[in-house]
Protein backbone atom coordinates (compact mmCIF):
# COMPACT_ATOMS: atom_id res chain seq x y z
CA MET A 1 82.54 109.50 80.82
CA LEU A 2 83.40 106.42 78.81
CA SER A 3 79.75 105.84 77.95
CA GLN A 4 79.43 109.20 76.18
CA ASN A 5 82.80 108.77 74.28
CA TYR A 6 83.33 105.38 73.38
CA ASN A 7 79.10 104.55 73.24
CA VAL A 8 79.52 101.58 75.63
CA ASP A 9 76.52 100.26 77.88
CA LEU A 10 77.67 100.74 81.59
CA GLU A 11 74.83 99.01 83.14
CA GLN A 12 76.00 95.94 81.35
CA ASP A 13 79.01 93.48 83.01
CA VAL A 14 81.75 93.85 81.65
CA ASP A 15 83.91 90.60 80.35
CA VAL A 16 87.49 90.49 81.16
CA TYR A 17 90.17 87.76 80.37
CA PRO A 18 93.87 87.69 80.19
CA CYS A 19 95.94 87.43 76.85
CA VAL A 20 99.53 86.37 75.92
CA THR A 21 101.45 87.46 73.00
CA LYS A 22 103.79 85.10 71.25
CA GLY A 23 105.95 86.84 68.42
CA MET A 24 103.35 88.96 66.71
CA THR A 25 100.15 87.27 68.01
CA THR A 26 97.98 88.07 70.84
CA TYR A 27 95.61 85.57 72.23
CA PRO A 28 93.29 84.75 74.74
CA ILE A 29 94.48 82.32 77.62
CA GLU A 30 92.08 79.57 77.83
CA GLY A 31 89.46 78.80 80.48
CA GLN A 32 90.76 82.32 81.94
CA THR A 33 87.86 85.03 82.12
CA TYR A 34 86.71 87.39 85.05
CA LEU A 35 83.03 88.75 84.90
CA LEU A 36 83.39 92.55 86.37
CA PRO A 37 79.67 93.48 87.42
CA SER A 38 78.71 96.63 85.77
CA LEU A 39 78.53 98.84 89.55
CA ASP A 40 82.42 97.92 89.92
CA ALA A 41 83.09 98.62 86.24
CA ILE A 42 81.89 101.76 86.94
CA SER A 43 83.69 102.48 89.93
CA MET A 44 86.94 101.28 88.43
CA LEU A 45 86.24 103.97 85.49
CA ASP A 46 85.42 106.58 88.17
CA GLN A 47 88.37 106.01 90.00
CA LEU A 48 90.71 106.20 86.91
CA THR A 49 89.04 109.19 85.97
CA ARG A 50 90.40 110.76 89.08
CA MET A 51 93.71 109.71 89.00
CA GLY A 52 93.93 110.74 85.67
CA CYS A 53 94.45 107.50 84.61
CA LEU A 54 91.24 106.89 82.37
CA THR A 55 94.09 106.62 79.33
CA LEU A 56 94.59 103.04 80.68
CA ILE A 57 90.90 102.16 78.72
CA THR A 58 90.69 105.11 76.38
CA LYS A 59 93.84 104.45 74.74
CA THR A 60 93.30 100.91 73.01
CA MET A 61 89.64 101.35 73.33
CA GLN A 62 88.46 99.42 69.87
CA SER A 63 85.33 97.74 67.73
CA LEU A 64 87.49 94.36 67.70
CA ALA A 65 84.02 91.74 68.23
CA GLN A 66 80.63 90.91 68.69
CA LYS A 67 79.15 87.99 70.97
CA VAL A 68 77.43 85.24 69.51
CA ASP A 69 74.17 86.58 69.76
CA GLY A 70 75.40 89.93 67.27
CA THR A 71 75.69 92.19 70.06
CA GLN A 72 78.96 94.50 69.29
CA LEU A 73 81.92 95.11 71.89
CA GLN A 74 84.06 97.62 72.28
CA THR A 75 87.03 96.21 73.41
CA ALA A 76 90.12 97.58 75.95
CA PHE A 77 93.37 95.88 76.05
CA PRO A 78 95.89 97.57 78.37
CA SER A 79 98.60 95.44 78.96
CA LEU A 80 99.57 93.49 82.07
CA ASN A 81 101.91 96.18 84.08
CA GLU A 82 99.70 99.12 83.00
CA VAL A 83 96.66 97.76 84.65
CA LYS A 84 99.35 97.04 87.97
CA ALA A 85 100.45 100.68 88.12
CA CYS A 86 97.18 101.90 88.34
CA ILE A 87 96.44 99.30 91.13
CA ASP A 88 99.92 100.85 92.69
CA ARG A 89 98.84 103.98 92.55
CA GLY A 90 95.53 103.25 94.50
CA LEU A 91 93.36 102.01 91.98
CA ILE A 92 90.94 99.68 94.03
CA LEU A 93 89.54 96.99 92.32
CA PRO A 94 87.38 94.11 93.80
CA LYS A 95 89.66 91.37 95.88
CA ALA A 96 88.35 88.58 93.95
CA PHE A 97 89.76 90.43 90.29
CA THR A 98 92.43 91.32 91.65
CA ALA A 99 93.50 87.81 92.53
CA LYS A 100 92.25 87.14 88.89
CA ILE A 101 95.11 89.25 88.22
CA ARG A 102 98.19 87.86 90.47
CA GLU A 103 97.10 84.17 88.46
CA TRP A 104 97.07 86.01 85.04
CA GLU A 105 100.50 87.23 86.13
CA ALA A 106 101.44 83.85 86.65
CA LEU A 107 100.70 82.45 83.26
CA ASN A 108 102.80 84.85 81.92
CA CYS A 109 100.02 87.42 81.00
CA SER A 110 100.88 90.08 78.41
CA GLU A 111 97.20 92.27 77.98
CA ILE A 112 93.74 92.13 80.08
CA PHE A 113 91.30 92.95 77.62
CA PHE A 114 88.14 94.41 78.67
CA ASP A 115 84.70 93.63 76.75
CA PHE A 116 82.63 96.62 77.26
CA THR A 117 78.78 96.10 75.55
CA GLU A 118 77.99 99.01 73.11
CA GLN A 119 74.78 100.88 73.49
């Protein structure tokens, strides 16, 4: 499971935000975020594991940032198209989250960042 291999705390909610890449620079789309509740994050990871698609998260997982309070984060940043492909294959996400993903696509999102709290 992700929590053992990547030292993430799955009891914590996951901050999710869209990013856009222009040239060689990737940056967050201002004012756009989604808080994925921990139970929904666990469900997403379980589904991805059963689908054989956990690499959607694990292949990019890195310690890139920390919260203002110093809490370390593990960030995964799959492409929007990779996330949409998993949804098309049957990944079930909260309706509000899938609505956000459609909204982000209209804003030219290229990657979706998932900030998991480190244990």
